[in-house]
Amino acid sequence: MKPLKRKYSFSNFEEAIAFIDRVASIFSRENHHPKITNFYNTVEFAYFTTSANNSITELDHKIANEVEVIYQTLTPQS
């Protein structure tokens, strides 16, 4: 099964890294850590649960949604 992926764009590298740092506490709190990819001003999270045969679980969706809410608070809505 393919992981649940979410990709985020920022103005620059520093903002991208600050976002990773900001949401890292969610991953630690849940003891559930996605694959994180950063290239310049983009961040991508790939969520899956290794203990569930690398499938996507409710916890993956919960964490992805929580990260999404934080991203939405950082970006101006049109």
C-alpha atoms as a PDB file:
ATOM      1  CA  MET A   1       0.000   0.000   0.000  1.00  0.00           C
ATOM      2  CA  LYS A   2       1.194   3.495  -0.784  1.00  0.00           C
ATOM      3  CA  PRO A   3       1.687   5.868   2.139  1.00  0.00           C
ATOM      4  CA  LEU A   4      -0.599   8.779   2.865  1.00  0.00           C
ATOM      5  CA  LYS A   5       1.341  11.807   1.593  1.00  0.00           C
ATOM      6  CA  ARG A   6       1.011  15.495   2.298  1.00  0.00           C
ATOM      7  CA  LYS A   7       3.191  18.171   0.682  1.00  0.00           C
ATOM      8  CA  TYR A   8       3.607  21.752   1.901  1.00  0.00           C
ATOM      9  CA  SER A   9       5.243  24.802   0.331  1.00  0.00           C
ATOM     10  CA  PHE A  10       6.840  27.749   2.085  1.00  0.00           C
ATOM     11  CA  SER A  11       8.525  31.015   1.123  1.00  0.00           C
ATOM     12  CA  ASN A  12      12.005  29.752   1.905  1.00  0.00           C
ATOM     13  CA  PHE A  13      14.128  27.024   3.463  1.00  0.00           C
ATOM     14  CA  GLU A  14      14.004  28.513   6.955  1.00  0.00           C
ATOM     15  CA  GLU A  15      10.191  28.505   7.022  1.00  0.00           C
ATOM     16  CA  ALA A  16      10.129  24.896   5.836  1.00  0.00           C
ATOM     17  CA  ILE A  17      12.510  23.805   8.598  1.00  0.00           C
ATOM     18  CA  ALA A  18      10.585  25.817  11.199  1.00  0.00           C
ATOM     19  CA  PHE A  19       7.405  23.965  10.176  1.00  0.00           C
ATOM     20  CA  ILE A  20       9.090  20.590  10.613  1.00  0.00           C
ATOM     21  CA  ASP A  21      10.295  21.692  14.024  1.00  0.00           C
ATOM     22  CA  ARG A  22       6.830  22.933  14.983  1.00  0.00           C
ATOM     23  CA  VAL A  23       5.032  19.677  14.127  1.00  0.00           C
ATOM     24  CA  ALA A  24       7.744  17.340  15.453  1.00  0.00           C
ATOM     25  CA  SER A  25       6.136  17.401  18.889  1.00  0.00           C
ATOM     26  CA  ILE A  26       2.986  15.808  17.417  1.00  0.00           C
ATOM     27  CA  PHE A  27       5.020  12.875  16.134  1.00  0.00           C
ATOM     28  CA  SER A  28       6.832  12.491  19.443  1.00  0.00           C
ATOM     29  CA  ARG A  29       3.617  12.737  21.459  1.00  0.00           C
ATOM     30  CA  GLU A  30       2.021   9.969  19.398  1.00  0.00           C
ATOM     31  CA  ASN A  31       5.253   7.948  19.149  1.00  0.00           C
ATOM     32  CA  HIS A  32       4.503   7.720  15.429  1.00  0.00           C
ATOM     33  CA  HIS A  33       6.950   9.202  12.954  1.00  0.00           C
ATOM     34  CA  PRO A  34       6.369   9.798   9.239  1.00  0.00           C
ATOM     35  CA  LYS A  35       9.009   9.829   6.558  1.00  0.00           C
ATOM     36  CA  ILE A  36       9.980  13.493   6.204  1.00  0.00           C
ATOM     37  CA  THR A  37      11.429  14.906   3.000  1.00  0.00           C
ATOM     38  CA  ASN A  38      12.629  18.495   2.727  1.00  0.00           C
ATOM     39  CA  PHE A  39      13.921  20.164  -0.402  1.00  0.00           C
ATOM     40  CA  TYR A  40      14.516  23.903  -0.134  1.00  0.00           C
ATOM     41  CA  ASN A  41      11.038  25.369   0.512  1.00  0.00           C
ATOM     42  CA  THR A  42       8.961  22.188   0.383  1.00  0.00           C
ATOM     43  CA  VAL A  43       8.226  19.581   3.019  1.00  0.00           C
ATOM     44  CA  GLU A  44       6.572  16.242   2.363  1.00  0.00           C
ATOM     45  CA  PHE A  45       5.338  13.790   4.975  1.00  0.00           C
ATOM     46  CA  ALA A  46       4.633  10.160   4.101  1.00  0.00           C
ATOM     47  CA  TYR A  47       2.476   8.528   6.763  1.00  0.00           C
ATOM     48  CA  PHE A  48       2.202   4.768   7.270  1.00  0.00           C
ATOM     49  CA  THR A  49       2.284   2.339  10.176  1.00  0.00           C
ATOM     50  CA  THR A  50       5.104  -0.181  10.148  1.00  0.00           C
ATOM     51  CA  SER A  51       3.462  -2.354  12.808  1.00  0.00           C
ATOM     52  CA  ALA A  52       0.393  -2.644  10.543  1.00  0.00           C
ATOM     53  CA  ASN A  53       2.365  -4.001   7.593  1.00  0.00           C
ATOM     54  CA  ASN A  54       3.138  -0.471   6.337  1.00  0.00           C
ATOM     55  CA  SER A  55      -0.539   0.298   5.825  1.00  0.00           C
ATOM     56  CA  ILE A  56      -2.363   3.524   6.582  1.00  0.00           C
ATOM     57  CA  THR A  57      -4.185   3.523   9.907  1.00  0.00           C
ATOM     58  CA  GLU A  58      -6.552   5.869  11.718  1.00  0.00           C
ATOM     59  CA  LEU A  59      -3.559   7.224  13.633  1.00  0.00           C
ATOM     60  CA  ASP A  60      -1.884   8.213  10.349  1.00  0.00           C
ATOM     61  CA  HIS A  61      -5.008  10.131   9.326  1.00  0.00           C
ATOM     62  CA  LYS A  62      -5.309  11.741  12.766  1.00  0.00           C
ATOM     63  CA  ILE A  63      -1.724  12.979  12.708  1.00  0.00           C
ATOM     64  CA  ALA A  64      -1.897  14.124   9.069  1.00  0.00           C
ATOM     65  CA  ASN A  65      -5.046  16.114   9.845  1.00  0.00           C
ATOM     66  CA  GLU A  66      -3.463  17.715  12.896  1.00  0.00           C
ATOM     67  CA  VAL A  67      -0.421  18.764  10.851  1.00  0.00           C
ATOM     68  CA  GLU A  68      -2.733  20.127   8.144  1.00  0.00           C
ATOM     69  CA  VAL A  69      -4.554  22.312  10.678  1.00  0.00           C
ATOM     70  CA  ILE A  70      -1.248  23.793  11.828  1.00  0.00           C
ATOM     71  CA  TYR A  71      -0.194  24.467   8.232  1.00  0.00           C
ATOM     72  CA  GLN A  72      -3.513  26.218   7.556  1.00  0.00           C
ATOM     73  CA  THR A  73      -2.926  28.550  10.517  1.00  0.00           C
ATOM     74  CA  LEU A  74       0.437  29.545   9.016  1.00  0.00           C
ATOM     75  CA  THR A  75      -0.728  30.306   5.494  1.00  0.00           C
ATOM     76  CA  PRO A  76      -3.072  33.129   4.477  1.00  0.00           C
ATOM     77  CA  GLN A  77      -6.428  31.836   3.225  1.00  0.00           C
ATOM     78  CA  SER A  78      -7.778  33.388   0.017  1.00  0.00           C
END
